[in-house]
Amino acid sequence: MTFEIIFTLILIAGMITALIYDLMRPGMVLFSVVILFLCAGILSPKELLEGFSNKGMITVAMLFLVSEGIRQTGAISQLIKKLLPEKKTTVTKSQLRMLPAIAGISAFLNNTPVVVIFAPIIKRWANKVNLPATRFLIPLSYATILGGLCTLIGTSTNLVVHGMILETGRSGFSMFELGKVGIFIAIAGITYILCFSNKLLPAKRPDVVNEEEEETPAEELHRVEAVIGPRFPGIKKTVKEFGFERHYGATVKEIKRSGQSISKNLDNEIFREGDTLVLMANENFIPTWGESSVFLMLANGKEHEEDEKQRKKRWLALTLLIIMIIGATIGELPSMKNIIPGVQLDMFFFVSITTIIMAWTKLFPPKKYTKYISWDILITIACAFAISKAMENSGFADLLASKIISMADSLGPHALLAIIFIITNLFTEVITNNAAAALAFPIALSVATQLNVNPTPFFVVICMAASASFSTPIGYQTNLIVQGIGNYKFTDFVRFGLPLNFITFILSVFLVPLFWEF
């Protein structure tokens, strides 16, 4: 092996280790690796920077703002309230009403705000109708993931792979192209959830801190649940050392983590990303910190009244979203490509217009727009393009492709498709989905090139596998959010999610070659 291949192997192994052990935020881990590739001469400055100007990455950034505009108008929260039965019902009937709609919403909006809005509403509703919330919250996260498989904008991973395809000079995916397979996986996944959630998900796990017992009306304090985000400044510090009450004016009463509820000796407990904190706070806590990036979710169990102005904004937001989707879909038709010479009527074009209109109509606060963009995800995506290029430049991708081909030489492209899925899916369960796609893409391209077959089936499989993070809570942010609020254990995700990984694997390997020939 050459120096470049050995150097790349060491850096990739180090990157995966750093991501697994959460030594730094994913964006900084990948950026560090990219800089080392630059120092070794494997990447040029131009190649390093290409990801930061990639159309797919910038589209993801603007979709964060579109999702925020929809969220702030209350459009999707009103929808879930209408879907939840008001009378006595069963888990299966309730799931049948809500899961297809949730999957449909997440096909066009960022998954995280959908879960952040729906999770507390569903938990509150479940307690009201005396059903276990634990039978709804993991299904909520899984339904958003399944919906994201069906469209180009359903998840950032699809846009990352789309952007990498464009970088190779090929045509990327159209808006609903991935839905040829994604819709079957979504239907099968929702059917699995309906059939087995009662058997495989735990019964209700009550909170240690009881809301009625802890509430103290004289001081106007009430119970608030807050999920710690990556920007929380107290991560890896003890409760006493950080001084939560001094920082936020609220008292930590309970920490929920991996199915455990910790309410004693809290001063010595260390804050971790994804922890759900049960707080006693006053009325100002959520208005003050609701838009802060230090918390992934805040919920106090109270409804917010809306006025006529808010209703008008909601309809405007929904109208803009529908126009964006229809415009991007129609704009990709061959007959539309010559209507406005020199202008490409694709998703990037329409999401740009939608974002600007939402800003000027103040569907999200335009002066605070930077708060609503997950910069770490964008840096991760931008660096993912560079790492993928480094794997190609060094010859590492070709070497791995040769090894994979030799392993399945007699079995044909279908077996290689299965191997690419397994590699990508294993990566996505232990590191970020975008990093998993970045590692798998150059390998898949090299496999297809060496076999002289169409690479598109491999690219589609990467999209399916990189998003199919069901069997651990750490692979996908929505899983991390519901883990705390639902008080789930790590094993709950393994037991319920692993069969869903297998279903996605079987359907992907079987269906993809039917729609995209080798």
Protein backbone atom coordinates (compact mmCIF):
# COMPACT_ATOMS: atom_id res chain seq x y z
CA MET A 1 0.00 0.00 0.00
CA THR A 2 1.11 3.54 -0.73
CA PHE A 3 1.68 6.23 1.90
CA GLU A 4 -1.52 7.99 0.82
CA ILE A 5 -3.63 4.87 1.38
CA ILE A 6 -2.06 4.12 4.78
CA PHE A 7 -2.45 7.76 5.85
CA THR A 8 -6.11 7.77 4.77
CA LEU A 9 -6.79 4.49 6.58
CA ILE A 10 -5.33 5.87 9.83
CA LEU A 11 -7.30 9.11 9.56
CA ILE A 12 -10.59 7.37 8.76
CA ALA A 13 -10.10 4.95 11.69
CA GLY A 14 -9.27 7.89 13.98
CA MET A 15 -12.30 9.82 12.75
CA ILE A 16 -14.68 6.93 13.41
CA THR A 17 -13.19 6.43 16.89
CA ALA A 18 -13.53 10.14 17.73
CA LEU A 19 -17.15 10.15 16.55
CA ILE A 20 -18.06 7.00 18.50
CA TYR A 21 -16.55 8.32 21.74
CA ASP A 22 -17.93 11.82 21.12
CA LEU A 23 -14.55 13.48 21.70
CA MET A 24 -15.71 16.60 19.84
CA ARG A 25 -18.72 17.69 17.83
CA PRO A 26 -18.97 15.77 14.51
CA GLY A 27 -18.34 18.90 12.43
CA MET A 28 -15.07 19.65 14.22
CA VAL A 29 -13.95 15.99 14.01
CA LEU A 30 -14.49 15.93 10.24
CA PHE A 31 -12.96 19.38 9.78
CA SER A 32 -9.82 18.25 11.66
CA VAL A 33 -9.52 15.23 9.36
CA VAL A 34 -9.96 17.40 6.27
CA ILE A 35 -7.18 19.76 7.41
CA LEU A 36 -4.84 16.80 7.91
CA PHE A 37 -5.64 15.62 4.37
CA LEU A 38 -4.74 19.11 3.17
CA CYS A 39 -1.43 19.03 5.07
CA ALA A 40 -0.58 15.65 3.53
CA GLY A 41 -1.25 16.93 0.00
CA ILE A 42 -4.11 14.49 -0.56
CA LEU A 43 -6.56 17.37 -0.87
CA SER A 44 -5.99 20.69 -2.60
CA PRO A 45 -7.41 23.90 -1.06
CA LYS A 46 -9.95 24.02 -3.90
CA GLU A 47 -11.13 20.45 -3.18
CA LEU A 48 -11.34 21.20 0.53
CA LEU A 49 -13.59 24.22 -0.03
CA GLU A 50 -15.86 22.73 -2.69
CA GLY A 51 -18.18 21.20 -0.12
CA PHE A 52 -18.85 24.61 1.46
CA SER A 53 -20.26 25.90 -1.84
CA ASN A 54 -22.11 22.71 -2.76
CA LYS A 55 -25.72 23.21 -3.79
CA GLY A 56 -26.91 20.29 -1.63
CA MET A 57 -25.31 21.70 1.52
CA ILE A 58 -26.76 25.19 1.00
CA THR A 59 -30.18 23.66 0.27
CA VAL A 60 -30.02 21.90 3.66
CA ALA A 61 -29.23 25.25 5.34
CA MET A 62 -32.28 26.94 3.79
CA LEU A 63 -34.53 23.98 4.60
CA PHE A 64 -33.70 24.56 8.28
CA LEU A 65 -35.20 28.04 7.90
CA VAL A 66 -38.25 26.78 6.00
CA SER A 67 -38.89 24.19 8.73
CA GLU A 68 -38.52 26.92 11.37
CA GLY A 69 -41.05 29.08 9.55
CA ILE A 70 -43.54 26.22 9.54
CA ARG A 71 -42.81 25.45 13.21
CA GLN A 72 -43.21 29.02 14.47
CA THR A 73 -46.60 29.45 12.81
CA GLY A 74 -47.90 26.38 14.65
CA ALA A 75 -49.01 24.67 11.43
CA ILE A 76 -47.84 21.15 12.28
CA SER A 77 -48.80 21.31 15.96
CA GLN A 78 -52.40 22.05 14.96
CA LEU A 79 -52.37 19.06 12.63
CA ILE A 80 -51.24 16.55 15.26
CA LYS A 81 -53.89 17.79 17.69
CA LYS A 82 -56.57 17.04 15.10
CA LEU A 83 -55.14 13.55 14.52
CA LEU A 84 -55.13 12.52 18.18
CA PRO A 85 -58.40 10.84 19.25
CA GLU A 86 -60.24 12.66 22.03
CA LYS A 87 -62.20 9.65 23.23
CA LYS A 88 -61.04 6.36 24.69
CA THR A 89 -59.09 4.39 22.10
CA THR A 90 -56.34 1.79 21.64
CA VAL A 91 -52.66 2.12 20.87
CA THR A 92 -53.02 0.52 17.42
CA LYS A 93 -55.98 2.68 16.36
CA SER A 94 -54.20 5.83 17.49
CA GLN A 95 -51.00 4.90 15.69
CA LEU A 96 -52.96 4.14 12.54
CA ARG A 97 -54.34 7.68 12.58
CA MET A 98 -51.13 9.52 13.32
CA LEU A 99 -48.12 7.60 11.92
CA PRO A 100 -48.91 7.88 8.17
CA ALA A 101 -49.53 11.61 8.58
CA ILE A 102 -46.30 12.08 10.56
CA ALA A 103 -44.36 10.22 7.86
CA GLY A 104 -45.98 12.41 5.21
CA ILE A 105 -45.03 15.62 7.04
CA SER A 106 -41.42 14.53 7.61
CA ALA A 107 -41.05 13.79 3.89
CA PHE A 108 -40.95 17.57 3.36
CA LEU A 109 -39.77 19.03 6.68
CA ASN A 110 -36.71 18.52 8.85
CA ASN A 111 -37.30 15.57 11.18
CA THR A 112 -36.02 17.22 14.36
CA PRO A 113 -38.59 20.06 14.66
CA VAL A 114 -41.37 17.60 13.84
CA VAL A 115 -40.34 15.39 16.78
CA VAL A 116 -39.65 18.38 19.06
CA ILE A 117 -43.20 19.67 18.48
CA PHE A 118 -45.04 16.34 18.46
CA ALA A 119 -43.31 14.51 21.34
CA PRO A 120 -44.63 16.62 24.26
CA ILE A 121 -48.09 16.90 22.68
CA ILE A 122 -48.31 13.13 22.22
CA LYS A 123 -46.98 12.43 25.73
CA ARG A 124 -49.51 14.81 27.27
CA TRP A 125 -52.33 13.29 25.20
CA ALA A 126 -51.31 9.71 26.11
CA ASN A 127 -51.43 10.52 29.81
CA LYS A 128 -54.85 12.12 29.33
CA VAL A 129 -56.39 9.07 27.63
CA ASN A 130 -54.55 6.65 29.95
CA LEU A 131 -52.34 5.05 27.29
CA PRO A 132 -48.58 4.41 27.72
CA ALA A 133 -46.61 7.21 26.03
CA THR A 134 -43.77 4.71 25.55
CA ARG A 135 -45.86 3.02 22.84
CA PHE A 136 -45.95 6.25 20.80
CA LEU A 137 -42.65 8.13 21.13
CA ILE A 138 -40.22 5.67 19.48
CA PRO A 139 -42.83 5.09 16.72
CA LEU A 140 -42.96 8.89 16.31
CA SER A 141 -39.20 9.05 15.72
CA TYR A 142 -39.24 6.04 13.39
CA ALA A 143 -42.16 7.43 11.37
CA THR A 144 -40.22 10.66 10.71
CA ILE A 145 -37.20 8.63 9.55
CA LEU A 146 -39.38 6.48 7.28
CA GLY A 147 -41.04 9.55 5.78
CA GLY A 148 -37.65 11.10 5.10
CA LEU A 149 -36.76 8.17 2.82
CA CYS A 150 -39.46 9.12 0.34
CA THR A 151 -38.28 12.47 -1.05
CA LEU A 152 -35.10 14.30 -1.97
CA ILE A 153 -35.62 16.82 0.85
CA GLY A 154 -36.85 14.32 3.43
CA THR A 155 -33.46 14.16 5.11
CA SER A 156 -30.15 15.96 4.77
CA THR A 157 -28.49 12.66 3.86
CA ASN A 158 -30.46 12.44 0.61
CA LEU A 159 -29.31 15.93 -0.33
CA VAL A 160 -25.71 15.05 0.57
CA VAL A 161 -25.71 12.01 -1.72
CA HIS A 162 -27.51 14.07 -4.40
CA GLY A 163 -24.79 16.73 -4.14
CA MET A 164 -22.02 14.12 -4.41
CA ILE A 165 -23.65 12.70 -7.53
CA LEU A 166 -23.75 16.17 -9.09
CA GLU A 167 -20.04 16.59 -8.27
CA THR A 168 -19.29 13.55 -10.45
CA GLY A 169 -21.02 15.17 -13.43
CA ARG A 170 -24.07 12.89 -13.32
CA SER A 171 -27.72 13.86 -12.92
CA GLY A 172 -28.91 13.79 -9.34
CA PHE A 173 -32.23 12.63 -7.92
CA SER A 174 -35.55 14.25 -8.73
CA MET A 175 -37.92 15.25 -5.92
CA PHE A 176 -39.80 11.94 -5.65
CA GLU A 177 -37.35 9.55 -7.30
CA LEU A 178 -36.23 7.98 -4.01
CA GLY A 179 -39.89 7.40 -3.20
CA LYS A 180 -39.96 4.53 -5.71
CA VAL A 181 -38.34 2.48 -2.97
CA GLY A 182 -38.84 4.71 0.07
CA ILE A 183 -42.64 4.49 -0.05
CA PHE A 184 -42.54 0.67 0.13
CA ILE A 185 -40.10 0.80 3.05
CA ALA A 186 -42.29 3.39 4.81
CA ILE A 187 -45.44 1.28 4.37
CA ALA A 188 -43.67 -1.87 5.57
CA GLY A 189 -42.11 0.01 8.49
CA ILE A 190 -45.39 1.55 9.66
CA THR A 191 -47.08 -1.85 9.33
CA TYR A 192 -44.35 -3.39 11.49
CA ILE A 193 -44.81 -0.65 14.11
CA LEU A 194 -48.58 -1.21 14.18
CA CYS A 195 -48.18 -4.96 14.60
CA PHE A 196 -45.36 -5.14 17.13
CA SER A 197 -45.17 -1.95 19.21
CA ASN A 198 -47.55 -3.38 21.82
CA LYS A 199 -45.38 -6.49 22.13
CA LEU A 200 -41.86 -5.07 21.92
CA LEU A 201 -42.09 -1.59 23.43
CA PRO A 202 -42.20 -1.18 27.23
CA ALA A 203 -45.30 -0.31 29.21
CA LYS A 204 -45.58 3.10 30.83
CA ARG A 205 -42.55 4.18 32.87
CA PRO A 206 -43.73 6.84 35.33
CA ASP A 207 -41.59 9.87 36.09
CA VAL A 208 -39.87 9.91 39.46
CA VAL A 209 -40.83 13.54 39.95
CA ASN A 210 -44.60 13.77 40.07
CA GLU A 211 -45.97 16.97 38.62
CA GLU A 212 -48.78 17.36 41.17
CA GLU A 213 -46.47 16.82 44.11
CA GLU A 214 -43.72 19.14 42.88
CA GLU A 215 -45.75 22.08 41.67
CA THR A 216 -45.74 25.02 44.08
CA PRO A 217 -48.39 27.56 43.05
CA ALA A 218 -47.35 30.10 45.68
CA GLU A 219 -44.08 30.65 43.88
CA GLU A 220 -45.68 30.18 40.44
CA LEU A 221 -43.30 27.38 39.56
CA HIS A 222 -44.24 24.52 37.26
CA ARG A 223 -42.72 21.42 35.75
CA VAL A 224 -40.67 21.80 32.55
CA GLU A 225 -38.94 19.09 30.52
CA ALA A 226 -35.77 20.14 28.68
CA VAL A 227 -33.61 17.96 26.40
CA ILE A 228 -29.94 18.99 26.50
CA GLY A 229 -28.52 19.93 23.10
CA PRO A 230 -24.92 19.88 21.83
CA ARG A 231 -24.41 23.58 22.64
CA PHE A 232 -25.37 23.26 26.30
CA PRO A 233 -22.37 24.78 28.15
CA GLY A 234 -22.59 22.39 31.10
CA ILE A 235 -21.93 19.14 29.20
CA LYS A 236 -19.43 16.94 31.07
CA LYS A 237 -19.80 19.09 34.20
CA THR A 238 -21.64 18.10 37.38
CA VAL A 239 -24.89 19.79 38.35
CA LYS A 240 -23.19 21.45 41.32
CA GLU A 241 -20.10 22.47 39.35
CA PHE A 242 -22.09 24.06 36.53
CA GLY A 243 -24.67 25.84 38.69
CA PHE A 244 -27.80 25.27 36.56
CA GLU A 245 -30.03 27.43 38.74
CA ARG A 246 -27.56 30.31 38.57
CA HIS A 247 -27.43 30.11 34.75
CA TYR A 248 -31.11 29.53 33.97
CA GLY A 249 -33.13 30.39 37.07
CA ALA A 250 -34.59 26.88 37.29
CA THR A 251 -34.00 23.94 39.62
CA VAL A 252 -33.08 20.47 38.33
CA LYS A 253 -35.33 17.90 40.01
CA GLU A 254 -34.65 14.83 37.85
CA ILE A 255 -32.34 13.65 35.08
CA LYS A 256 -33.67 11.00 32.69
CA ARG A 257 -31.05 9.04 30.81
CA SER A 258 -31.15 5.63 29.04
CA GLY A 259 -34.32 4.56 30.81
CA GLN A 260 -33.07 5.62 34.24
CA SER A 261 -34.60 8.37 36.33
CA ILE A 262 -32.10 10.02 38.65
CA SER A 263 -33.56 12.23 41.36
CA LYS A 264 -31.19 11.70 44.30
CA ASN A 265 -27.67 13.04 44.80
CA LEU A 266 -28.12 15.20 41.69
CA ASP A 267 -25.26 17.53 42.61
CA ASN A 268 -22.73 14.87 41.60
CA GLU A 269 -24.45 13.89 38.33
CA ILE A 270 -22.67 14.87 35.10
CA PHE A 271 -24.69 16.52 32.32
CA ARG A 272 -24.61 14.67 28.96
CA GLU A 273 -25.97 15.55 25.55
CA GLY A 274 -29.44 14.06 25.14
CA ASP A 275 -30.25 14.06 28.86
CA THR A 276 -33.83 15.03 29.63
CA LEU A 277 -34.02 17.36 32.62
CA VAL A 278 -37.14 17.74 34.74
CA LEU A 279 -37.05 21.31 36.04
CA MET A 280 -39.07 23.51 38.34
CA ALA A 281 -39.19 26.87 36.58
CA ASN A 282 -41.31 30.00 36.37
CA GLU A 283 -43.35 31.27 33.42
CA ASN A 284 -40.39 33.12 31.91
CA PHE A 285 -38.20 30.06 31.40
CA ILE A 286 -39.62 28.79 28.09
CA PRO A 287 -40.07 32.25 26.47
CA THR A 288 -36.48 33.07 27.44
CA TRP A 289 -34.82 29.82 26.38
CA GLY A 290 -37.30 28.45 23.84
CA GLU A 291 -35.28 29.68 20.86
CA SER A 292 -31.91 28.86 22.39
CA SER A 293 -29.79 26.15 20.78
CA VAL A 294 -28.66 24.84 24.17
CA PHE A 295 -31.88 22.80 24.47
CA LEU A 296 -33.24 20.51 21.77
CA MET A 297 -36.72 20.63 23.25
CA LEU A 298 -38.61 22.47 25.96
CA ALA A 299 -42.09 21.48 27.10
CA ASN A 300 -44.21 22.58 30.04
CA GLY A 301 -47.44 20.74 29.25
CA LYS A 302 -49.37 23.92 28.47
CA GLU A 303 -51.29 24.91 25.36
CA HIS A 304 -50.53 28.19 23.62
CA GLU A 305 -53.44 30.24 22.39
CA GLU A 306 -53.21 31.72 18.92
CA ASP A 307 -54.80 34.80 17.43
CA GLU A 308 -56.11 35.61 13.95
CA LYS A 309 -52.73 36.97 12.85
CA GLN A 310 -51.08 33.69 13.77
CA ARG A 311 -53.67 31.71 11.79
CA LYS A 312 -52.99 33.84 8.70
CA LYS A 313 -49.26 33.22 9.05
CA ARG A 314 -49.92 29.51 9.33
CA TRP A 315 -51.83 29.41 6.06
CA LEU A 316 -49.17 31.52 4.36
CA ALA A 317 -46.44 29.13 5.55
CA LEU A 318 -48.35 26.08 4.32
CA THR A 319 -49.05 27.75 0.97
CA LEU A 320 -45.37 28.58 0.49
CA LEU A 321 -44.37 25.00 1.38
CA ILE A 322 -46.83 23.53 -1.13
CA ILE A 323 -45.70 25.93 -3.88
CA MET A 324 -42.07 25.03 -3.15
CA ILE A 325 -42.75 21.29 -3.43
CA ILE A 326 -44.92 21.55 -6.57
CA GLY A 327 -42.55 24.04 -8.20
CA ALA A 328 -39.47 21.87 -7.61
CA THR A 329 -41.31 18.78 -8.89
CA ILE A 330 -42.67 20.41 -12.05
CA GLY A 331 -39.44 22.32 -12.65
CA GLU A 332 -37.56 19.05 -13.13
CA LEU A 333 -39.77 17.97 -16.05
CA PRO A 334 -38.00 18.08 -19.44
CA SER A 335 -40.67 20.38 -20.91
CA MET A 336 -40.03 22.99 -18.20
CA LYS A 337 -36.26 23.20 -18.51
CA ASN A 338 -36.31 25.65 -21.42
CA ILE A 339 -39.08 27.96 -20.18
CA ILE A 340 -36.66 30.36 -18.48
CA PRO A 341 -33.31 30.06 -20.31
CA GLY A 342 -30.35 30.11 -17.97
CA VAL A 343 -32.42 29.42 -14.83
CA GLN A 344 -32.59 25.91 -13.41
CA LEU A 345 -36.01 25.42 -11.79
CA ASP A 346 -34.87 22.86 -9.23
CA MET A 347 -35.23 22.46 -5.46
CA PHE A 348 -32.41 24.92 -4.80
CA PHE A 349 -34.22 27.60 -6.82
CA PHE A 350 -37.57 27.20 -5.07
CA VAL A 351 -36.25 26.72 -1.53
CA SER A 352 -34.22 29.93 -1.98
CA ILE A 353 -37.33 31.91 -2.97
CA THR A 354 -39.39 30.33 -0.16
CA THR A 355 -36.75 31.19 2.44
CA ILE A 356 -36.57 34.85 1.37
CA ILE A 357 -40.37 35.25 1.35
CA MET A 358 -40.61 33.67 4.82
CA ALA A 359 -37.95 36.06 6.10
CA TRP A 360 -39.58 39.19 4.68
CA THR A 361 -43.06 38.15 5.91
CA LYS A 362 -41.48 37.35 9.31
CA LEU A 363 -42.66 33.76 9.47
CA PHE A 364 -39.39 33.33 11.34
CA PRO A 365 -37.53 36.28 12.96
CA PRO A 366 -35.18 37.44 10.18
CA LYS A 367 -32.80 39.13 12.63
CA LYS A 368 -32.26 35.80 14.41
CA TYR A 369 -32.08 33.53 11.37
CA THR A 370 -28.63 32.18 12.25
CA LYS A 371 -30.04 30.62 15.43
CA TYR A 372 -32.24 28.24 13.45
CA ILE A 373 -29.48 26.74 11.32
CA SER A 374 -27.59 23.75 12.68
CA TRP A 375 -24.09 24.86 11.76
CA ASP A 376 -22.46 21.66 13.00
CA ILE A 377 -24.56 19.62 10.56
CA LEU A 378 -23.62 21.98 7.71
CA ILE A 379 -19.90 21.78 8.53
CA THR A 380 -20.20 18.00 8.77
CA ILE A 381 -21.84 17.89 5.33
CA ALA A 382 -19.29 20.25 3.76
CA CYS A 383 -16.38 18.26 5.18
CA ALA A 384 -18.03 15.01 4.12
CA PHE A 385 -17.60 16.04 0.46
CA ALA A 386 -13.90 16.68 1.05
CA ILE A 387 -13.37 13.36 2.88
CA SER A 388 -15.10 11.52 0.07
CA LYS A 389 -12.77 13.24 -2.42
CA ALA A 390 -9.73 12.37 -0.29
CA MET A 391 -10.72 8.70 -0.30
CA GLU A 392 -10.81 8.83 -4.10
CA ASN A 393 -7.56 10.80 -4.50
CA SER A 394 -5.57 8.53 -2.20
CA GLY A 395 -6.72 5.32 -3.89
CA PHE A 396 -8.25 4.12 -0.60
CA ALA A 397 -11.75 3.88 -2.11
CA ASP A 398 -10.48 1.83 -5.07
CA LEU A 399 -8.61 -0.53 -2.73
CA LEU A 400 -11.67 -1.12 -0.56
CA ALA A 401 -13.83 -1.58 -3.65
CA SER A 402 -11.42 -4.23 -4.97
CA LYS A 403 -11.55 -6.10 -1.66
CA ILE A 404 -15.35 -5.97 -1.58
CA ILE A 405 -15.61 -7.17 -5.19
CA SER A 406 -13.22 -10.07 -4.51
CA MET A 407 -15.32 -11.09 -1.49
CA ALA A 408 -18.53 -11.29 -3.52
CA ASP A 409 -17.03 -11.92 -6.98
CA SER A 410 -19.22 -14.89 -7.82
CA LEU A 411 -22.43 -13.47 -6.36
CA GLY A 412 -22.87 -10.49 -8.68
CA PRO A 413 -23.97 -6.87 -8.17
CA HIS A 414 -26.87 -7.77 -5.87
CA ALA A 415 -24.49 -9.11 -3.24
CA LEU A 416 -22.34 -5.99 -3.56
CA LEU A 417 -25.46 -3.90 -3.10
CA ALA A 418 -26.12 -5.78 0.15
CA ILE A 419 -22.53 -5.24 1.34
CA ILE A 420 -22.71 -1.49 0.64
CA PHE A 421 -25.98 -1.31 2.60
CA ILE A 422 -24.51 -3.16 5.59
CA ILE A 423 -21.35 -1.02 5.65
CA THR A 424 -23.34 2.23 5.45
CA ASN A 425 -25.90 1.11 8.01
CA LEU A 426 -23.27 0.03 10.53
CA PHE A 427 -21.57 3.41 10.17
CA THR A 428 -24.83 5.34 10.59
CA GLU A 429 -25.68 3.52 13.85
CA VAL A 430 -22.42 4.56 15.53
CA ILE A 431 -21.53 7.86 13.80
CA THR A 432 -23.57 10.54 12.04
CA ASN A 433 -25.67 9.64 9.01
CA ASN A 434 -24.01 12.27 6.83
CA ALA A 435 -20.52 10.99 7.72
CA ALA A 436 -21.71 7.45 6.96
CA ALA A 437 -22.87 8.54 3.49
CA ALA A 438 -19.56 10.32 2.91
CA LEU A 439 -17.57 7.18 3.69
CA ALA A 440 -19.78 4.87 1.65
CA PHE A 441 -20.18 7.04 -1.47
CA PRO A 442 -16.63 6.82 -2.92
CA ILE A 443 -16.52 3.08 -2.16
CA ALA A 444 -19.82 2.54 -4.00
CA LEU A 445 -18.64 4.66 -6.94
CA SER A 446 -15.40 2.66 -7.19
CA VAL A 447 -17.28 -0.66 -7.02
CA ALA A 448 -19.60 0.41 -9.84
CA THR A 449 -16.70 1.75 -11.91
CA GLN A 450 -14.61 -1.42 -11.55
CA LEU A 451 -17.61 -3.59 -12.44
CA ASN A 452 -18.56 -1.22 -15.27
CA VAL A 453 -22.18 -1.02 -14.06
CA ASN A 454 -24.61 1.82 -13.38
CA PRO A 455 -23.70 3.35 -9.98
CA THR A 456 -27.21 4.75 -9.30
CA PRO A 457 -28.51 1.61 -7.51
CA PHE A 458 -25.57 1.87 -5.10
CA PHE A 459 -26.27 5.57 -4.49
CA VAL A 460 -29.93 4.87 -3.72
CA VAL A 461 -28.98 2.10 -1.29
CA ILE A 462 -26.64 4.51 0.52
CA CYS A 463 -29.57 6.93 0.99
CA MET A 464 -31.76 4.16 2.44
CA ALA A 465 -29.05 2.69 4.66
CA ALA A 466 -27.68 5.99 5.98
CA SER A 467 -31.13 7.08 7.16
CA ALA A 468 -32.24 3.70 8.55
CA SER A 469 -30.98 4.38 12.07
CA PHE A 470 -33.44 2.41 14.18
CA SER A 471 -31.48 0.14 16.50
CA THR A 472 -29.59 2.72 18.61
CA PRO A 473 -30.60 6.09 20.08
CA ILE A 474 -27.26 7.70 19.21
CA GLY A 475 -27.38 7.37 15.42
CA TYR A 476 -30.21 9.85 14.85
CA GLN A 477 -31.06 13.01 16.81
CA THR A 478 -34.80 12.28 16.90
CA ASN A 479 -34.09 8.96 18.63
CA LEU A 480 -32.03 10.81 21.23
CA ILE A 481 -34.87 13.26 21.88
CA VAL A 482 -37.56 10.62 22.44
CA GLN A 483 -35.23 8.46 24.54
CA GLY A 484 -35.24 11.01 27.33
CA ILE A 485 -38.85 12.16 27.18
CA GLY A 486 -40.06 8.56 26.94
CA ASN A 487 -37.58 7.27 29.55
CA TYR A 488 -36.44 4.49 27.17
CA LYS A 489 -33.48 2.21 27.73
CA PHE A 490 -30.84 1.59 25.06
CA THR A 491 -32.12 -1.99 24.75
CA ASP A 492 -35.62 -0.75 23.83
CA PHE A 493 -34.20 0.65 20.58
CA VAL A 494 -32.22 -2.53 19.88
CA ARG A 495 -35.18 -4.84 20.50
CA PHE A 496 -37.72 -2.80 18.53
CA GLY A 497 -35.46 -1.18 15.93
CA LEU A 498 -33.25 -4.06 14.78
CA PRO A 499 -36.08 -5.85 12.90
CA LEU A 500 -36.85 -2.53 11.18
CA ASN A 501 -33.23 -2.28 10.06
CA PHE A 502 -33.58 -5.78 8.62
CA ILE A 503 -36.85 -4.91 6.84
CA THR A 504 -35.21 -1.84 5.27
CA PHE A 505 -32.23 -3.95 4.21
CA ILE A 506 -34.30 -6.67 2.52
CA LEU A 507 -36.61 -4.25 0.69
CA SER A 508 -33.75 -2.00 -0.44
CA VAL A 509 -31.63 -4.81 -1.88
CA PHE A 510 -34.66 -6.42 -3.53
CA LEU A 511 -36.44 -3.32 -4.90
CA VAL A 512 -33.62 -0.97 -5.93
CA PRO A 513 -32.46 -3.09 -8.92
CA LEU A 514 -36.07 -3.28 -10.13
CA PHE A 515 -36.24 0.51 -10.58
CA TRP A 516 -32.59 1.26 -11.41
CA GLU A 517 -30.86 -1.33 -13.56
CA PHE A 518 -27.17 -2.11 -13.09
